[in-house]
Full PDB file with SEQRES, HELIX, SHEET, SSBOND, CRYST1, ORIGX, SCALE, CONECT and MASTER records, all heavy atoms in Angstrom:
SEQRES   1 A   36  LEU ASP LYS ARG PRO PRO GLN THR ILE GLU GLU LEU LEU          
SEQRES   2 A   36  GLY LEU GLU GLY ASN CYS ALA ALA ALA TYR PHE ARG ALA          
SEQRES   3 A   36  TRP ARG SER VAL THR LEU ALA TRP LYS ILE                      
HELIX    1 AA1 ILE A    9  ALA A   26  1                                  18    
HELIX    2 AA2 TRP A   27  SER A   29  5                                   3    
CRYST1    1.000    1.000    1.000  90.00  90.00  90.00 P 1           1          
ORIGX1      1.000000  0.000000  0.000000        0.00000                         
ORIGX2      0.000000  1.000000  0.000000        0.00000                         
ORIGX3      0.000000  0.000000  1.000000        0.00000                         
SCALE1      1.000000  0.000000  0.000000        0.00000                         
SCALE2      0.000000  1.000000  0.000000        0.00000                         
SCALE3      0.000000  0.000000  1.000000        0.00000                         
ATOM      1  N   LEU A   1    -267.837 124.528 193.992  1.00  0.00           N  
ATOM      2  CA  LEU A   1    -266.992 123.417 194.466  1.00  0.00           C  
ATOM      3  C   LEU A   1    -267.723 122.570 195.501  1.00  0.00           C  
ATOM      4  O   LEU A   1    -267.585 121.349 195.527  1.00  0.00           O  
ATOM      5  CB  LEU A   1    -265.692 123.955 195.066  1.00  0.00           C  
ATOM      6  CG  LEU A   1    -264.630 124.420 194.086  1.00  0.00           C  
ATOM      7  CD1 LEU A   1    -263.491 125.097 194.834  1.00  0.00           C  
ATOM      8  CD2 LEU A   1    -264.107 123.260 193.252  1.00  0.00           C  
ATOM      9  N   ASP A   2    -268.500 123.226 196.353  1.00  0.00           N  
ATOM     10  CA  ASP A   2    -269.203 122.519 197.410  1.00  0.00           C  
ATOM     11  C   ASP A   2    -270.463 121.812 196.903  1.00  0.00           C  
ATOM     12  O   ASP A   2    -270.697 120.640 197.215  1.00  0.00           O  
ATOM     13  CB  ASP A   2    -269.568 123.510 198.522  1.00  0.00           C  
ATOM     14  CG  ASP A   2    -270.212 122.833 199.712  1.00  0.00           C  
ATOM     15  OD1 ASP A   2    -269.705 121.768 200.132  1.00  0.00           O  
ATOM     16  OD2 ASP A   2    -271.214 123.355 200.233  1.00  0.00           O  
ATOM     17  N   LYS A   3    -271.266 122.501 196.118  1.00  0.00           N  
ATOM     18  CA  LYS A   3    -272.579 121.975 195.720  1.00  0.00           C  
ATOM     19  C   LYS A   3    -272.593 121.236 194.385  1.00  0.00           C  
ATOM     20  O   LYS A   3    -273.371 120.312 194.200  1.00  0.00           O  
ATOM     21  CB  LYS A   3    -273.607 123.118 195.659  1.00  0.00           C  
ATOM     22  CG  LYS A   3    -273.728 123.917 196.935  1.00  0.00           C  
ATOM     23  CD  LYS A   3    -274.229 123.056 198.074  1.00  0.00           C  
ATOM     24  CE  LYS A   3    -274.426 123.921 199.324  1.00  0.00           C  
ATOM     25  NZ  LYS A   3    -274.546 123.167 200.536  1.00  0.00           N  
ATOM     26  N   ARG A   4    -271.774 121.662 193.455  1.00  0.00           N  
ATOM     27  CA  ARG A   4    -271.710 121.019 192.133  1.00  0.00           C  
ATOM     28  C   ARG A   4    -270.249 120.868 191.725  1.00  0.00           C  
ATOM     29  O   ARG A   4    -269.785 121.527 190.791  1.00  0.00           O  
ATOM     30  CB  ARG A   4    -272.462 121.848 191.095  1.00  0.00           C  
ATOM     31  CG  ARG A   4    -273.956 121.858 191.307  1.00  0.00           C  
ATOM     32  CD  ARG A   4    -274.633 122.599 190.217  1.00  0.00           C  
ATOM     33  NE  ARG A   4    -274.060 123.940 190.097  1.00  0.00           N  
ATOM     34  CZ  ARG A   4    -274.441 124.844 189.225  1.00  0.00           C  
ATOM     35  NH1 ARG A   4    -275.367 124.580 188.373  1.00  0.00           N  
ATOM     36  NH2 ARG A   4    -273.877 126.034 189.190  1.00  0.00           N  
ATOM     37  N   PRO A   5    -269.509 120.019 192.418  1.00  0.00           N  
ATOM     38  CA  PRO A   5    -268.069 119.913 192.155  1.00  0.00           C  
ATOM     39  C   PRO A   5    -267.778 119.471 190.721  1.00  0.00           C  
ATOM     40  O   PRO A   5    -268.531 118.700 190.142  1.00  0.00           O  
ATOM     41  CB  PRO A   5    -267.589 118.874 193.162  1.00  0.00           C  
ATOM     42  CG  PRO A   5    -268.795 118.230 193.724  1.00  0.00           C  
ATOM     43  CD  PRO A   5    -269.971 119.098 193.441  1.00  0.00           C  
ATOM     44  N   PRO A   6    -266.692 119.991 190.163  1.00  0.00           N  
ATOM     45  CA  PRO A   6    -266.291 119.574 188.817  1.00  0.00           C  
ATOM     46  C   PRO A   6    -266.097 118.065 188.765  1.00  0.00           C  
ATOM     47  O   PRO A   6    -265.614 117.450 189.714  1.00  0.00           O  
ATOM     48  CB  PRO A   6    -264.965 120.312 188.593  1.00  0.00           C  
ATOM     49  CG  PRO A   6    -264.986 121.446 189.557  1.00  0.00           C  
ATOM     50  CD  PRO A   6    -265.776 120.971 190.732  1.00  0.00           C  
ATOM     51  N   GLN A   7    -266.459 117.482 187.631  1.00  0.00           N  
ATOM     52  CA  GLN A   7    -266.376 116.029 187.468  1.00  0.00           C  
ATOM     53  C   GLN A   7    -265.062 115.583 186.823  1.00  0.00           C  
ATOM     54  O   GLN A   7    -264.746 114.399 186.849  1.00  0.00           O  
ATOM     55  CB  GLN A   7    -267.567 115.536 186.637  1.00  0.00           C  
ATOM     56  CG  GLN A   7    -268.915 115.845 187.282  1.00  0.00           C  
ATOM     57  CD  GLN A   7    -269.060 115.220 188.658  1.00  0.00           C  
ATOM     58  OE1 GLN A   7    -268.921 114.007 188.802  1.00  0.00           O  
ATOM     59  NE2 GLN A   7    -269.291 116.049 189.683  1.00  0.00           N  
ATOM     60  N   THR A   8    -264.330 116.525 186.229  1.00  0.00           N  
ATOM     61  CA  THR A   8    -263.068 116.183 185.575  1.00  0.00           C  
ATOM     62  C   THR A   8    -262.001 117.189 185.984  1.00  0.00           C  
ATOM     63  O   THR A   8    -262.316 118.293 186.451  1.00  0.00           O  
ATOM     64  CB  THR A   8    -263.198 116.213 184.037  1.00  0.00           C  
ATOM     65  OG1 THR A   8    -263.459 117.563 183.621  1.00  0.00           O  
ATOM     66  CG2 THR A   8    -264.300 115.284 183.545  1.00  0.00           C  
ATOM     67  N   ILE A   9    -260.758 116.810 185.785  1.00  0.00           N  
ATOM     68  CA  ILE A   9    -259.639 117.725 186.054  1.00  0.00           C  
ATOM     69  C   ILE A   9    -259.760 118.957 185.160  1.00  0.00           C  
ATOM     70  O   ILE A   9    -259.504 120.081 185.604  1.00  0.00           O  
ATOM     71  CB  ILE A   9    -258.286 117.011 185.829  1.00  0.00           C  
ATOM     72  CG1 ILE A   9    -258.092 115.888 186.849  1.00  0.00           C  
ATOM     73  CG2 ILE A   9    -257.125 117.993 185.869  1.00  0.00           C  
ATOM     74  CD1 ILE A   9    -257.896 116.341 188.273  1.00  0.00           C  
ATOM     75  N   GLU A  10    -260.172 118.756 183.905  1.00  0.00           N  
ATOM     76  CA  GLU A  10    -260.314 119.886 182.972  1.00  0.00           C  
ATOM     77  C   GLU A  10    -261.334 120.894 183.484  1.00  0.00           C  
ATOM     78  O   GLU A  10    -261.118 122.105 183.403  1.00  0.00           O  
ATOM     79  CB  GLU A  10    -260.715 119.387 181.570  1.00  0.00           C  
ATOM     80  CG  GLU A  10    -259.616 118.633 180.838  1.00  0.00           C  
ATOM     81  CD  GLU A  10    -259.437 117.196 181.335  1.00  0.00           C  
ATOM     82  OE1 GLU A  10    -260.380 116.613 181.926  1.00  0.00           O  
ATOM     83  OE2 GLU A  10    -258.330 116.661 181.144  1.00  0.00           O  
ATOM     84  N   GLU A  11    -262.468 120.398 184.016  1.00  0.00           N  
ATOM     85  CA  GLU A  11    -263.475 121.306 184.581  1.00  0.00           C  
ATOM     86  C   GLU A  11    -262.916 122.058 185.791  1.00  0.00           C  
ATOM     87  O   GLU A  11    -263.155 123.252 185.959  1.00  0.00           O  
ATOM     88  CB  GLU A  11    -264.725 120.527 184.997  1.00  0.00           C  
ATOM     89  CG  GLU A  11    -265.561 120.019 183.850  1.00  0.00           C  
ATOM     90  CD  GLU A  11    -266.758 119.206 184.341  1.00  0.00           C  
ATOM     91  OE1 GLU A  11    -267.092 119.266 185.542  1.00  0.00           O  
ATOM     92  OE2 GLU A  11    -267.346 118.497 183.506  1.00  0.00           O  
ATOM     93  N   LEU A  12    -262.179 121.346 186.633  1.00  0.00           N  
ATOM     94  CA  LEU A  12    -261.577 121.970 187.816  1.00  0.00           C  
ATOM     95  C   LEU A  12    -260.574 123.042 187.411  1.00  0.00           C  
ATOM     96  O   LEU A  12    -260.585 124.157 187.948  1.00  0.00           O  
ATOM     97  CB  LEU A  12    -260.897 120.916 188.685  1.00  0.00           C  
ATOM     98  CG  LEU A  12    -260.216 121.434 189.958  1.00  0.00           C  
ATOM     99  CD1 LEU A  12    -261.234 122.082 190.887  1.00  0.00           C  
ATOM    100  CD2 LEU A  12    -259.485 120.294 190.662  1.00  0.00           C  
ATOM    101  N   LEU A  13    -259.722 122.727 186.428  1.00  0.00           N  
ATOM    102  CA  LEU A  13    -258.739 123.705 185.967  1.00  0.00           C  
ATOM    103  C   LEU A  13    -259.416 124.890 185.285  1.00  0.00           C  
ATOM    104  O   LEU A  13    -258.948 126.024 185.387  1.00  0.00           O  
ATOM    105  CB  LEU A  13    -257.719 123.048 185.045  1.00  0.00           C  
ATOM    106  CG  LEU A  13    -256.770 122.050 185.729  1.00  0.00           C  
ATOM    107  CD1 LEU A  13    -255.876 121.366 184.705  1.00  0.00           C  
ATOM    108  CD2 LEU A  13    -255.938 122.728 186.801  1.00  0.00           C  
ATOM    109  N   GLY A  14    -260.534 124.640 184.595  1.00  0.00           N  
ATOM    110  CA  GLY A  14    -261.290 125.735 183.992  1.00  0.00           C  
ATOM    111  C   GLY A  14    -261.836 126.678 185.055  1.00  0.00           C  
ATOM    112  O   GLY A  14    -261.759 127.902 184.918  1.00  0.00           O  
ATOM    113  N   LEU A  15    -262.389 126.116 186.125  1.00  0.00           N  
ATOM    114  CA  LEU A  15    -262.884 126.923 187.232  1.00  0.00           C  
ATOM    115  C   LEU A  15    -261.744 127.704 187.868  1.00  0.00           C  
ATOM    116  O   LEU A  15    -261.874 128.902 188.154  1.00  0.00           O  
ATOM    117  CB  LEU A  15    -263.572 126.023 188.263  1.00  0.00           C  
ATOM    118  CG  LEU A  15    -264.175 126.711 189.482  1.00  0.00           C  
ATOM    119  CD1 LEU A  15    -265.285 127.677 189.075  1.00  0.00           C  
ATOM    120  CD2 LEU A  15    -264.718 125.666 190.457  1.00  0.00           C  
ATOM    121  N   GLU A  16    -260.605 127.033 188.063  1.00  0.00           N  
ATOM    122  CA  GLU A  16    -259.432 127.706 188.642  1.00  0.00           C  
ATOM    123  C   GLU A  16    -258.962 128.854 187.744  1.00  0.00           C  
ATOM    124  O   GLU A  16    -258.641 129.940 188.219  1.00  0.00           O  
ATOM    125  CB  GLU A  16    -258.306 126.685 188.833  1.00  0.00           C  
ATOM    126  CG  GLU A  16    -257.086 127.234 189.551  1.00  0.00           C  
ATOM    127  CD  GLU A  16    -256.006 127.741 188.618  1.00  0.00           C  
ATOM    128  OE1 GLU A  16    -255.996 127.355 187.441  1.00  0.00           O  
ATOM    129  OE2 GLU A  16    -255.161 128.546 189.071  1.00  0.00           O  
ATOM    130  N   GLY A  17    -258.934 128.630 186.446  1.00  0.00           N  
ATOM    131  CA  GLY A  17    -258.527 129.679 185.510  1.00  0.00           C  
ATOM    132  C   GLY A  17    -259.455 130.880 185.545  1.00  0.00           C  
ATOM    133  O   GLY A  17    -259.006 132.028 185.517  1.00  0.00           O  
ATOM    134  N   ASN A  18    -260.759 130.624 185.629  1.00  0.00           N  
ATOM    135  CA  ASN A  18    -261.722 131.728 185.709  1.00  0.00           C  
ATOM    136  C   ASN A  18    -261.574 132.490 187.016  1.00  0.00           C  
ATOM    137  O   ASN A  18    -261.704 133.715 187.051  1.00  0.00           O  
ATOM    138  CB  ASN A  18    -263.153 131.196 185.552  1.00  0.00           C  
ATOM    139  CG  ASN A  18    -263.441 130.728 184.145  1.00  0.00           C  
ATOM    140  OD1 ASN A  18    -262.828 131.194 183.181  1.00  0.00           O  
ATOM    141  ND2 ASN A  18    -264.367 129.795 184.007  1.00  0.00           N  
ATOM    142  N   CYS A  19    -261.288 131.777 188.103  1.00  0.00           N  
ATOM    143  CA  CYS A  19    -261.058 132.437 189.398  1.00  0.00           C  
ATOM    144  C   CYS A  19    -259.800 133.302 189.342  1.00  0.00           C  
ATOM    145  O   CYS A  19    -259.787 134.428 189.857  1.00  0.00           O  
ATOM    146  CB  CYS A  19    -260.934 131.405 190.515  1.00  0.00           C  
ATOM    147  SG  CYS A  19    -262.479 130.585 190.923  1.00  0.00           S  
ATOM    148  N   ALA A  20    -258.756 132.780 188.700  1.00  0.00           N  
ATOM    149  CA  ALA A  20    -257.513 133.551 188.573  1.00  0.00           C  
ATOM    150  C   ALA A  20    -257.750 134.821 187.763  1.00  0.00           C  
ATOM    151  O   ALA A  20    -257.248 135.893 188.117  1.00  0.00           O  
ATOM    152  CB  ALA A  20    -256.427 132.699 187.919  1.00  0.00           C  
ATOM    153  N   ALA A  21    -258.529 134.710 186.691  1.00  0.00           N  
ATOM    154  CA  ALA A  21    -258.821 135.893 185.871  1.00  0.00           C  
ATOM    155  C   ALA A  21    -259.587 136.939 186.678  1.00  0.00           C  
ATOM    156  O   ALA A  21    -259.262 138.133 186.627  1.00  0.00           O  
ATOM    157  CB  ALA A  21    -259.610 135.489 184.625  1.00  0.00           C  
ATOM    158  N   ALA A  22    -260.573 136.497 187.456  1.00  0.00           N  
ATOM    159  CA  ALA A  22    -261.336 137.435 188.291  1.00  0.00           C  
ATOM    160  C   ALA A  22    -260.434 138.070 189.352  1.00  0.00           C  
ATOM    161  O   ALA A  22    -260.503 139.270 189.622  1.00  0.00           O  
ATOM    162  CB  ALA A  22    -262.502 136.708 188.957  1.00  0.00           C  
ATOM    163  N   TYR A  23    -259.563 137.262 189.938  1.00  0.00           N  
ATOM    164  CA  TYR A  23    -258.639 137.736 190.962  1.00  0.00           C  
ATOM    165  C   TYR A  23    -257.721 138.827 190.404  1.00  0.00           C  
ATOM    166  O   TYR A  23    -257.562 139.887 191.011  1.00  0.00           O  
ATOM    167  CB  TYR A  23    -257.836 136.537 191.476  1.00  0.00           C  
ATOM    168  CG  TYR A  23    -256.681 136.884 192.377  1.00  0.00           C  
ATOM    169  CD1 TYR A  23    -256.889 137.264 193.701  1.00  0.00           C  
ATOM    170  CD2 TYR A  23    -255.369 136.814 191.913  1.00  0.00           C  
ATOM    171  CE1 TYR A  23    -255.832 137.564 194.536  1.00  0.00           C  
ATOM    172  CE2 TYR A  23    -254.305 137.110 192.748  1.00  0.00           C  
ATOM    173  CZ  TYR A  23    -254.535 137.484 194.051  1.00  0.00           C  
ATOM    174  OH  TYR A  23    -253.493 137.789 194.873  1.00  0.00           O  
ATOM    175  N   PHE A  24    -257.129 138.575 189.239  1.00  0.00           N  
ATOM    176  CA  PHE A  24    -256.207 139.566 188.697  1.00  0.00           C  
ATOM    177  C   PHE A  24    -256.921 140.781 188.104  1.00  0.00           C  
ATOM    178  O   PHE A  24    -256.325 141.852 188.016  1.00  0.00           O  
ATOM    179  CB  PHE A  24    -255.227 138.928 187.706  1.00  0.00           C  
ATOM    180  CG  PHE A  24    -254.090 138.240 188.407  1.00  0.00           C  
ATOM    181  CD1 PHE A  24    -254.004 136.855 188.431  1.00  0.00           C  
ATOM    182  CD2 PHE A  24    -253.135 138.967 189.096  1.00  0.00           C  
ATOM    183  CE1 PHE A  24    -252.965 136.219 189.110  1.00  0.00           C  
ATOM    184  CE2 PHE A  24    -252.100 138.351 189.776  1.00  0.00           C  
ATOM    185  CZ  PHE A  24    -252.015 136.969 189.782  1.00  0.00           C  
ATOM    186  N   ARG A  25    -258.192 140.644 187.749  1.00  0.00           N  
ATOM    187  CA  ARG A  25    -258.958 141.847 187.363  1.00  0.00           C  
ATOM    188  C   ARG A  25    -259.063 142.797 188.555  1.00  0.00           C  
ATOM    189  O   ARG A  25    -259.069 144.015 188.391  1.00  0.00           O  
ATOM    190  CB  ARG A  25    -260.345 141.465 186.845  1.00  0.00           C  
ATOM    191  CG  ARG A  25    -260.371 141.070 185.387  1.00  0.00           C  
ATOM    192  CD  ARG A  25    -261.784 141.017 184.813  1.00  0.00           C  
ATOM    193  NE  ARG A  25    -262.646 140.061 185.472  1.00  0.00           N  
ATOM    194  CZ  ARG A  25    -262.717 138.763 185.164  1.00  0.00           C  
ATOM    195  NH1 ARG A  25    -261.969 138.276 184.188  1.00  0.00           N  
ATOM    196  NH2 ARG A  25    -263.539 137.966 185.820  1.00  0.00           N  
ATOM    197  N   ALA A  26    -259.148 142.239 189.763  1.00  0.00           N  
ATOM    198  CA  ALA A  26    -259.218 143.070 190.973  1.00  0.00           C  
ATOM    199  C   ALA A  26    -257.928 143.847 191.197  1.00  0.00           C  
ATOM    200  O   ALA A  26    -257.932 144.888 191.862  1.00  0.00           O  
ATOM    201  CB  ALA A  26    -259.540 142.200 192.187  1.00  0.00           C  
ATOM    202  N   TRP A  27    -256.821 143.372 190.638  1.00  0.00           N  
ATOM    203  CA  TRP A  27    -255.540 144.069 190.779  1.00  0.00           C  
ATOM    204  C   TRP A  27    -255.504 145.352 189.947  1.00  0.00           C  
ATOM    205  O   TRP A  27    -254.572 146.146 190.071  1.00  0.00           O  
ATOM    206  CB  TRP A  27    -254.391 143.148 190.347  1.00  0.00           C  
ATOM    207  CG  TRP A  27    -253.943 142.187 191.403  1.00  0.00           C  
ATOM    208  CD1 TRP A  27    -254.665 141.181 191.958  1.00  0.00           C  
ATOM    209  CD2 TRP A  27    -252.667 142.135 192.033  1.00  0.00           C  
ATOM    210  NE1 TRP A  27    -253.916 140.502 192.878  1.00  0.00           N  
ATOM    211  CE2 TRP A  27    -252.675 141.057 192.941  1.00  0.00           C  
ATOM    212  CE3 TRP A  27    -251.502 142.882 191.899  1.00  0.00           C  
ATOM    213  CZ2 TRP A  27    -251.581 140.726 193.728  1.00  0.00           C  
ATOM    214  CZ3 TRP A  27    -250.405 142.537 192.672  1.00  0.00           C  
ATOM    215  CH2 TRP A  27    -250.452 141.485 193.579  1.00  0.00           C  
ATOM    216  N   ARG A  28    -256.483 145.568 189.088  1.00  0.00           N  
ATOM    217  CA  ARG A  28    -256.469 146.765 188.241  1.00  0.00           C  
ATOM    218  C   ARG A  28    -256.482 148.055 189.051  1.00  0.00           C  
ATOM    219  O   ARG A  28    -256.108 149.102 188.535  1.00  0.00           O  
ATOM    220  CB  ARG A  28    -257.648 146.737 187.271  1.00  0.00           C  
ATOM    221  CG  ARG A  28    -257.475 145.700 186.190  1.00  0.00           C  
ATOM    222  CD  ARG A  28    -258.607 145.722 185.218  1.00  0.00           C  
ATOM    223  NE  ARG A  28    -258.387 144.737 184.179  1.00  0.00           N  
ATOM    224  CZ  ARG A  28    -259.293 144.371 183.319  1.00  0.00           C  
ATOM    225  NH1 ARG A  28    -260.489 144.900 183.354  1.00  0.00           N  
ATOM    226  NH2 ARG A  28    -259.016 143.454 182.405  1.00  0.00           N  
ATOM    227  N   SER A  29    -256.901 147.984 190.296  1.00  0.00           N  
ATOM    228  CA  SER A  29    -256.900 149.179 191.136  1.00  0.00           C  
ATOM    229  C   SER A  29    -255.508 149.493 191.681  1.00  0.00           C  
ATOM    230  O   SER A  29    -255.288 150.567 192.249  1.00  0.00           O  
ATOM    231  CB  SER A  29    -257.889 149.004 192.292  1.00  0.00           C  
ATOM    232  OG  SER A  29    -257.473 147.933 193.123  1.00  0.00           O  
ATOM    233  N   VAL A  30    -254.566 148.583 191.506  1.00  0.00           N  
ATOM    234  CA  VAL A  30    -253.211 148.789 192.021  1.00  0.00           C  
ATOM    235  C   VAL A  30    -252.432 149.673 191.045  1.00  0.00           C  
ATOM    236  O   VAL A  30    -252.359 149.402 189.853  1.00  0.00           O  
ATOM    237  CB  VAL A  30    -252.470 147.441 192.195  1.00  0.00           C  
ATOM    238  CG1 VAL A  30    -251.045 147.670 192.677  1.00  0.00           C  
ATOM    239  CG2 VAL A  30    -253.230 146.542 193.155  1.00  0.00           C  
ATOM    240  N   THR A  31    -251.901 150.744 191.565  1.00  0.00           N  
ATOM    241  CA  THR A  31    -251.030 151.609 190.768  1.00  0.00           C  
ATOM    242  C   THR A  31    -249.698 151.740 191.492  1.00  0.00           C  
ATOM    243  O   THR A  31    -249.618 151.535 192.708  1.00  0.00           O  
ATOM    244  CB  THR A  31    -251.645 153.008 190.570  1.00  0.00           C  
ATOM    245  OG1 THR A  31    -251.914 153.583 191.859  1.00  0.00           O  
ATOM    246  CG2 THR A  31    -252.937 152.942 189.758  1.00  0.00           C  
ATOM    247  N   LEU A  32    -248.676 152.052 190.739  1.00  0.00           N  
ATOM    248  CA  LEU A  32    -247.357 152.235 191.321  1.00  0.00           C  
ATOM    249  C   LEU A  32    -247.118 153.706 191.623  1.00  0.00           C  
ATOM    250  O   LEU A  32    -247.503 154.574 190.840  1.00  0.00           O  
ATOM    251  CB  LEU A  32    -246.281 151.734 190.358  1.00  0.00           C  
ATOM    252  CG  LEU A  32    -246.344 150.249 189.993  1.00  0.00           C  
ATOM    253  CD1 LEU A  32    -245.218 149.905 189.029  1.00  0.00           C  
ATOM    254  CD2 LEU A  32    -246.268 149.381 191.231  1.00  0.00           C  
ATOM    255  N   ALA A  33    -246.476 153.962 192.750  1.00  0.00           N  
ATOM    256  CA  ALA A  33    -246.038 155.317 193.069  1.00  0.00           C  
ATOM    257  C   ALA A  33    -244.642 155.489 192.474  1.00  0.00           C  
ATOM    258  O   ALA A  33    -243.789 154.611 192.616  1.00  0.00           O  
ATOM    259  CB  ALA A  33    -246.004 155.514 194.585  1.00  0.00           C  
ATOM    260  N   TRP A  34    -244.441 156.595 191.795  1.00  0.00           N  
ATOM    261  CA  TRP A  34    -243.153 156.866 191.152  1.00  0.00           C  
ATOM    262  C   TRP A  34    -242.506 158.084 191.783  1.00  0.00           C  
ATOM    263  O   TRP A  34    -243.176 159.074 192.081  1.00  0.00           O  
ATOM    264  CB  TRP A  34    -243.344 157.115 189.655  1.00  0.00           C  
ATOM    265  CG  TRP A  34    -243.867 155.913 188.945  1.00  0.00           C  
ATOM    266  CD1 TRP A  34    -245.169 155.641 188.646  1.00  0.00           C  
ATOM    267  CD2 TRP A  34    -243.106 154.805 188.470  1.00  0.00           C  
ATOM    268  NE1 TRP A  34    -245.263 154.429 188.010  1.00  0.00           N  
ATOM    269  CE2 TRP A  34    -244.007 153.900 187.882  1.00  0.00           C  
ATOM    270  CE3 TRP A  34    -241.746 154.496 188.482  1.00  0.00           C  
ATOM    271  CZ2 TRP A  34    -243.599 152.700 187.308  1.00  0.00           C  
ATOM    272  CZ3 TRP A  34    -241.333 153.304 187.910  1.00  0.00           C  
ATOM    273  CH2 TRP A  34    -242.254 152.418 187.332  1.00  0.00           C  
ATOM    274  N   LYS A  35    -241.215 158.021 191.989  1.00  0.00           N  
ATOM    275  CA  LYS A  35    -240.482 159.189 192.471  1.00  0.00           C  
ATOM    276  C   LYS A  35    -240.571 160.278 191.409  1.00  0.00           C  
ATOM    277  O   LYS A  35    -240.610 159.992 190.207  1.00  0.00           O  
ATOM    278  CB  LYS A  35    -239.029 158.821 192.776  1.00  0.00           C  
ATOM    279  CG  LYS A  35    -238.936 157.854 193.951  1.00  0.00           C  
ATOM    280  CD  LYS A  35    -237.514 157.539 194.329  1.00  0.00           C  
ATOM    281  CE  LYS A  35    -237.506 156.582 195.520  1.00  0.00           C  
ATOM    282  NZ  LYS A  35    -236.159 156.120 195.847  1.00  0.00           N  
ATOM    283  N   ILE A  36    -240.622 161.511 191.843  1.00  0.00           N  
ATOM    284  CA  ILE A  36    -240.886 162.642 190.937  1.00  0.00           C  
ATOM    285  C   ILE A  36    -239.935 162.661 189.755  1.00  0.00           C  
ATOM    286  O   ILE A  36    -240.363 162.844 188.615  1.00  0.00           O  
ATOM    287  CB  ILE A  36    -240.830 163.970 191.718  1.00  0.00           C  
ATOM    288  CG1 ILE A  36    -242.011 164.027 192.687  1.00  0.00           C  
ATOM    289  CG2 ILE A  36    -240.848 165.160 190.779  1.00  0.00           C  
ATOM    290  CD1 ILE A  36    -242.010 165.198 193.628  1.00  0.00           C  
TER     291      ILE A  36                                                      
MASTER        0    0    0    2    0    0    0    6  290    1    0    3          
END                                                                             
């Protein structure tokens, strides 16, 4: 974003989508605790 900013809205949204995918991949470590 700082050095080679996207030139179109589509490029910006593509970058945002890839960031969202990476972000939610990090959520894979989240597990739920269940009552016995």
